C-alpha atoms as a PDB file:
ATOM      1  CA  MET A   1     -26.432-238.306 115.931  1.00  0.00           C
ATOM      2  CA  ARG A   2     -27.822-241.698 116.837  1.00  0.00           C
ATOM      3  CA  MET A   3     -28.872-244.167 114.239  1.00  0.00           C
ATOM      4  CA  THR A   4     -31.769-246.133 115.469  1.00  0.00           C
ATOM      5  CA  ILE A   5     -32.531-249.655 114.060  1.00  0.00           C
ATOM      6  CA  GLY A   6     -35.350-248.349 111.939  1.00  0.00           C
ATOM      7  CA  LYS A   7     -32.944-245.691 110.278  1.00  0.00           C
ATOM      8  CA  ARG A   8     -30.199-248.353 109.674  1.00  0.00           C
ATOM      9  CA  ILE A   9     -32.675-250.600 108.069  1.00  0.00           C
ATOM     10  CA  SER A  10     -33.935-247.769 105.873  1.00  0.00           C
ATOM     11  CA  VAL A  11     -30.615-246.647 104.842  1.00  0.00           C
ATOM     12  CA  GLY A  12     -29.571-250.314 103.978  1.00  0.00           C
ATOM     13  CA  PHE A  13     -32.698-250.666 102.015  1.00  0.00           C
ATOM     14  CA  ILE A  14     -32.095-247.470 100.025  1.00  0.00           C
ATOM     15  CA  VAL A  15     -28.425-248.565  99.364  1.00  0.00           C
ATOM     16  CA  VAL A  16     -29.723-251.880  98.105  1.00  0.00           C
ATOM     17  CA  VAL A  17     -32.269-250.298  95.866  1.00  0.00           C
ATOM     18  CA  LEU A  18     -29.708-247.739  94.500  1.00  0.00           C
ATOM     19  CA  ILE A  19     -27.321-250.577  93.668  1.00  0.00           C
ATOM     20  CA  THR A  20     -30.084-252.572  91.941  1.00  0.00           C
ATOM     21  CA  VAL A  21     -31.056-249.498  89.865  1.00  0.00           C
ATOM     22  CA  ALA A  22     -27.300-248.938  88.882  1.00  0.00           C
ATOM     23  CA  LEU A  23     -26.938-252.520  87.857  1.00  0.00           C
ATOM     24  CA  GLY A  24     -30.244-252.261  85.786  1.00  0.00           C
ATOM     25  CA  VAL A  25     -29.095-249.238  83.949  1.00  0.00           C
ATOM     26  CA  PHE A  26     -25.718-250.814  83.301  1.00  0.00           C
ATOM     27  CA  ILE A  27     -27.308-254.109  82.022  1.00  0.00           C
ATOM     28  CA  TYR A  28     -29.871-252.227  79.883  1.00  0.00           C
ATOM     29  CA  SER A  29     -27.056-250.262  78.097  1.00  0.00           C
ATOM     30  CA  THR A  30     -25.045-253.391  77.688  1.00  0.00           C
ATOM     31  CA  LEU A  31     -27.977-255.278  76.090  1.00  0.00           C
ATOM     32  CA  HIS A  32     -28.622-252.263  73.855  1.00  0.00           C
ATOM     33  CA  SER A  33     -25.004-252.482  72.629  1.00  0.00           C
ATOM     34  CA  ILE A  34     -25.267-256.223  72.071  1.00  0.00           C
ATOM     35  CA  ALA A  35     -28.454-255.626  70.031  1.00  0.00           C
ATOM     36  CA  VAL A  36     -26.732-253.087  67.895  1.00  0.00           C
ATOM     37  CA  SER A  37     -23.937-255.389  67.180  1.00  0.00           C
ATOM     38  CA  SER A  38     -26.182-258.230  66.345  1.00  0.00           C
ATOM     39  CA  THR A  39     -28.118-256.110  63.844  1.00  0.00           C
ATOM     40  CA  SER A  40     -24.863-255.071  62.229  1.00  0.00           C
ATOM     41  CA  VAL A  41     -23.668-258.640  61.907  1.00  0.00           C
ATOM     42  CA  THR A  42     -26.989-259.921  60.329  1.00  0.00           C
ATOM     43  CA  THR A  43     -27.410-256.977  58.039  1.00  0.00           C
ATOM     44  CA  ASP A  44     -23.617-256.353  56.978  1.00  0.00           C
ATOM     45  CA  SER A  45     -21.691-259.615  57.410  1.00  0.00           C
ATOM     46  CA  LEU A  46     -24.101-262.399  56.826  1.00  0.00           C
ATOM     47  CA  PRO A  47     -25.032-261.354  53.119  1.00  0.00           C
ATOM     48  CA  GLY A  48     -21.299-261.171  52.378  1.00  0.00           C
ATOM     49  CA  ILE A  49     -20.594-264.632  53.804  1.00  0.00           C
ATOM     50  CA  GLU A  50     -23.513-266.076  51.873  1.00  0.00           C
ATOM     51  CA  TYR A  51     -22.179-264.354  48.704  1.00  0.00           C
ATOM     52  CA  VAL A  52     -18.605-265.742  49.334  1.00  0.00           C
ATOM     53  CA  LEU A  53     -19.907-269.253  50.020  1.00  0.00           C
ATOM     54  CA  THR A  54     -22.022-269.207  46.803  1.00  0.00           C
ATOM     55  CA  LEU A  55     -18.966-268.044  44.853  1.00  0.00           C
ATOM     56  CA  SER A  56     -16.747-270.843  46.381  1.00  0.00           C
ATOM     57  CA  GLY A  57     -19.376-273.390  45.422  1.00  0.00           C
ATOM     58  CA  LEU A  58     -19.552-272.150  41.881  1.00  0.00           C
ATOM     59  CA  GLN A  59     -15.774-272.117  41.611  1.00  0.00           C
ATOM     60  CA  ARG A  60     -15.449-275.653  42.817  1.00  0.00           C
ATOM     61  CA  GLN A  61     -17.963-276.864  40.378  1.00  0.00           C
ATOM     62  CA  ASN A  62     -16.053-275.232  37.625  1.00  0.00           C
ATOM     63  CA  VAL A  63     -12.877-276.809  38.767  1.00  0.00           C
ATOM     64  CA  VAL A  64     -14.636-280.186  38.718  1.00  0.00           C
ATOM     65  CA  ASN A  65     -15.969-279.425  35.117  1.00  0.00           C
ATOM     66  CA  LEU A  66     -12.479-278.477  34.082  1.00  0.00           C
ATOM     67  CA  LEU A  67     -11.079-281.851  35.209  1.00  0.00           C
ATOM     68  CA  PHE A  68     -13.864-283.583  33.346  1.00  0.00           C
ATOM     69  CA  HIS A  69     -13.221-281.477  30.360  1.00  0.00           C
ATOM     70  CA  LEU A  70      -9.373-282.451  30.389  1.00  0.00           C
ATOM     71  CA  GLN A  71     -10.277-286.145  30.592  1.00  0.00           C
ATOM     72  CA  SER A  72     -13.014-286.101  28.014  1.00  0.00           C
ATOM     73  CA  THR A  73     -12.385-287.388  24.505  1.00  0.00           C
ATOM     74  CA  ASP A  74     -15.937-287.190  23.347  1.00  0.00           C
ATOM     75  CA  PRO A  75     -16.769-283.874  21.389  1.00  0.00           C
ATOM     76  CA  ALA A  76     -20.333-284.005  22.511  1.00  0.00           C
ATOM     77  CA  GLU A  77     -19.352-284.484  26.310  1.00  0.00           C
ATOM     78  CA  THR A  78     -16.747-281.678  25.918  1.00  0.00           C
ATOM     79  CA  SER A  79     -19.349-279.348  24.455  1.00  0.00           C
ATOM     80  CA  GLN A  80     -21.870-280.135  27.218  1.00  0.00           C
ATOM     81  CA  ILE A  81     -19.225-279.540  29.851  1.00  0.00           C
ATOM     82  CA  GLU A  82     -18.259-276.256  28.191  1.00  0.00           C
ATOM     83  CA  THR A  83     -21.937-275.258  28.254  1.00  0.00           C
ATOM     84  CA  ALA A  84     -22.113-275.966  31.919  1.00  0.00           C
ATOM     85  CA  MET A  85     -19.010-273.929  32.504  1.00  0.00           C
ATOM     86  CA  SER A  86     -20.414-270.998  30.554  1.00  0.00           C
ATOM     87  CA  THR A  87     -23.549-271.286  32.610  1.00  0.00           C
ATOM     88  CA  ILE A  88     -21.651-270.961  35.851  1.00  0.00           C
ATOM     89  CA  ALA A  89     -19.487-268.205  34.391  1.00  0.00           C
ATOM     90  CA  GLY A  90     -22.727-266.315  33.646  1.00  0.00           C
ATOM     91  CA  ILE A  91     -24.001-266.747  37.207  1.00  0.00           C
ATOM     92  CA  ILE A  92     -20.897-265.186  38.659  1.00  0.00           C
ATOM     93  CA  PRO A  93     -21.422-261.313  38.868  1.00  0.00           C
ATOM     94  CA  GLY A  94     -18.776-258.997  37.611  1.00  0.00           C
ATOM     95  CA  ARG A  95     -17.797-261.196  34.735  1.00  0.00           C
END
């Protein structure tokens, strides 16, 4: 069987089209998997990270309040600091 130039060009073109289709399918499936992973991160992980950062900030504020409370000699100031600490403790869920 002889391959003429026209048949060679046709076969080459078909091979290139098949390779392009295969790469397209692979890239589409990869992008779908990336989309699923990014959705998982934004719906599962980010709210937890935000919650942890909020708790960390509240805890740091309570440590600062505790240090001011330990240094305070004025009963009015001590009462004000205790009120602030109670407010922060009320914000923290699970307490």
